[in-house]
Protein backbone atom coordinates (compact mmCIF):
# COMPACT_ATOMS: atom_id res chain seq x y z
CA UNK A 1 -82.79 -32.70 55.36
CA UNK A 2 -85.93 -30.86 57.12
CA UNK A 3 -83.82 -27.74 56.60
CA UNK A 4 -82.60 -27.61 52.31
CA UNK A 5 -86.99 -29.16 52.12
CA UNK A 6 -88.17 -25.69 53.81
CA UNK A 7 -85.90 -23.60 52.00
CA UNK A 8 -87.29 -24.54 48.77
CA UNK A 9 -90.46 -25.21 49.92
CA UNK A 10 -89.76 -21.14 50.39
CA UNK A 11 -88.10 -20.34 47.59
CA UNK A 12 -91.59 -21.81 45.70
CA UNK A 13 -93.74 -19.58 47.12
CA UNK A 14 -92.27 -16.78 46.51
CA UNK A 15 -91.48 -16.96 43.04
CA UNK A 16 -94.62 -18.50 42.66
CA UNK A 17 -96.52 -15.24 44.46
CA UNK A 18 -94.14 -13.13 42.76
CA UNK A 19 -95.88 -13.73 39.19
CA UNK A 20 -99.43 -13.13 39.98
CA UNK A 21 -100.00 -10.05 39.20
CA UNK A 22 -103.39 -8.76 39.73
CA UNK A 23 -105.16 -6.53 37.22
CA UNK A 24 -105.41 -2.92 37.84
CA UNK A 25 -108.74 -2.40 35.98
CA UNK A 26 -111.96 -4.37 37.10
CA UNK A 27 -113.55 -6.06 34.44
CA UNK A 28 -115.91 -4.35 32.43
CA UNK A 29 -114.15 -0.49 33.08
CA UNK A 30 -113.47 -0.62 29.81
CA UNK A 31 -116.06 0.39 26.75
CA UNK A 32 -116.03 0.09 23.13
CA UNK A 33 -117.45 2.50 20.32
CA UNK A 34 -118.20 1.65 16.44
CA UNK A 35 -117.25 5.22 15.85
CA UNK A 36 -114.81 6.81 16.68
CA UNK A 37 -115.97 10.32 16.01
CA UNK A 38 -118.50 9.11 19.03
CA UNK A 39 -115.64 9.91 21.12
CA UNK A 40 -115.23 13.61 19.94
CA UNK A 41 -116.35 15.49 23.52
CA UNK A 42 -114.16 18.97 22.81
CA UNK A 43 -111.61 20.67 20.45
CA UNK A 44 -108.40 19.48 20.51
CA UNK A 45 -106.52 21.55 23.07
CA UNK A 46 -104.78 24.73 22.21
CA UNK A 47 -100.82 25.30 22.95
CA UNK A 48 -101.45 27.96 24.78
CA UNK A 49 -104.41 26.25 27.18
CA UNK A 50 -103.09 26.46 30.62
CA UNK A 51 -101.77 22.69 31.63
CA UNK A 52 -104.05 21.19 33.96
CA UNK A 53 -102.95 20.46 37.85
CA UNK A 54 -100.41 17.84 38.57
CA UNK A 55 -102.15 14.58 40.01
CA UNK A 56 -100.71 11.86 42.49
CA UNK A 57 -101.64 7.91 41.57
CA UNK A 58 -100.47 4.87 42.81
CA UNK A 59 -98.69 2.54 40.87
CA UNK A 60 -96.63 -0.40 42.25
CA UNK A 61 -97.54 0.46 45.97
CA UNK A 62 -96.19 3.75 45.50
CA UNK A 63 -97.40 7.63 45.06
CA UNK A 64 -96.02 8.99 41.73
CA UNK A 65 -97.16 12.52 40.48
CA UNK A 66 -98.58 12.61 37.05
CA UNK A 67 -99.19 15.73 34.84
CA UNK A 68 -102.53 14.11 33.93
CA UNK A 69 -104.82 11.60 34.71
CA UNK A 70 -106.84 10.33 31.26
CA UNK A 71 -110.58 8.44 32.24
CA UNK A 72 -113.77 8.72 29.71
CA UNK A 73 -113.57 9.11 25.86
CA UNK A 74 -109.74 8.94 24.48
CA UNK A 75 -109.50 9.60 21.19
CA UNK A 76 -108.73 13.75 20.51
CA UNK A 77 -106.08 14.91 22.68
CA UNK A 78 -102.70 15.52 23.05
CA UNK A 79 -100.70 14.59 25.69
CA UNK A 80 -97.65 15.28 27.11
CA UNK A 81 -95.15 14.56 30.00
CA UNK A 82 -96.25 11.85 32.49
CA UNK A 83 -99.93 10.52 31.65
CA UNK A 84 -101.85 7.93 33.35
CA UNK A 85 -104.58 6.06 31.65
CA UNK A 86 -107.32 5.39 33.69
CA UNK A 87 -109.60 2.69 34.34
CA UNK A 88 -113.32 3.69 33.08
CA UNK A 89 -111.88 4.61 29.84
CA UNK A 90 -114.32 4.50 26.41
CA UNK A 91 -112.45 3.48 23.29
CA UNK A 92 -113.44 2.99 19.41
CA UNK A 93 -113.67 -0.96 18.66
CA UNK A 94 -111.32 -2.58 15.93
CA UNK A 95 -112.71 -5.61 13.96
CA UNK A 96 -112.61 -9.35 15.80
CA UNK A 97 -109.55 -10.76 15.54
CA UNK A 98 -107.61 -7.82 14.45
CA UNK A 99 -104.84 -5.92 16.66
CA UNK A 100 -106.69 -3.50 18.93
CA UNK A 101 -106.19 -1.00 16.84
CA UNK A 102 -108.53 1.72 19.06
CA UNK A 103 -106.17 4.50 17.91
CA UNK A 104 -106.21 3.79 14.33
CA UNK A 105 -108.66 6.68 13.18
CA UNK A 106 -108.30 8.77 15.94
CA UNK A 107 -106.40 12.26 16.03
CA UNK A 108 -104.20 11.52 19.29
CA UNK A 109 -101.19 12.95 19.17
CA UNK A 110 -98.74 12.36 22.06
CA UNK A 111 -95.70 14.56 22.31
CA UNK A 112 -92.15 12.92 22.40
CA UNK A 113 -90.29 12.30 25.56
CA UNK A 114 -93.60 11.31 26.83
CA UNK A 115 -94.47 8.47 29.93
CA UNK A 116 -97.88 7.24 29.18
CA UNK A 117 -98.50 5.02 32.28
CA UNK A 118 -101.52 2.53 31.25
CA UNK A 119 -103.87 0.95 33.96
CA UNK A 120 -104.99 -1.92 31.95
CA UNK A 121 -101.77 -3.19 31.61
CA UNK A 122 -101.03 -3.39 35.03
CA UNK A 123 -99.49 0.08 35.06
CA UNK A 124 -96.94 -0.02 32.76
CA UNK A 125 -94.31 3.05 31.15
CA UNK A 126 -94.58 2.98 27.62
CA UNK A 127 -91.99 5.84 26.53
CA UNK A 128 -92.10 5.33 22.66
CA UNK A 129 -96.40 6.52 22.51
CA UNK A 130 -98.93 4.12 21.35
CA UNK A 131 -97.95 2.82 18.59
CA UNK A 132 -98.89 -0.91 18.75
CA UNK A 133 -102.95 0.55 19.13
CA UNK A 134 -102.11 2.80 15.92
CA UNK A 135 -101.78 -0.19 13.47
CA UNK A 136 -98.29 0.84 13.01
CA UNK A 137 -95.11 -0.54 14.49
């Protein structure tokens, strides 16, 4: 009788510990502005601009090479390749109670086949852009 009870306890501990995902971003690391135009820090990159050097980030305990790490204002940009959206972001504020559509009035272009890892979503990978934050489907 002791072995099945011990086995059940071990299984219970394993299952409950797997369900407790730690937040990647600390509370307050994302700030919101009322006007998306305030997020414009520079012109959109031209297609002839040199690509930034790749970076390495830790995702789920593994080092992953990404083309860019995004921090600061997020609105007017073009993303392609592998993108890591870190913490310490500035986003457009949305109306209380509505869906978080902070890219709705932004000029953010995400090229096809781009993989976007989002720290604020526990480093989840998105393969079809960020349509849930544009007000689209």
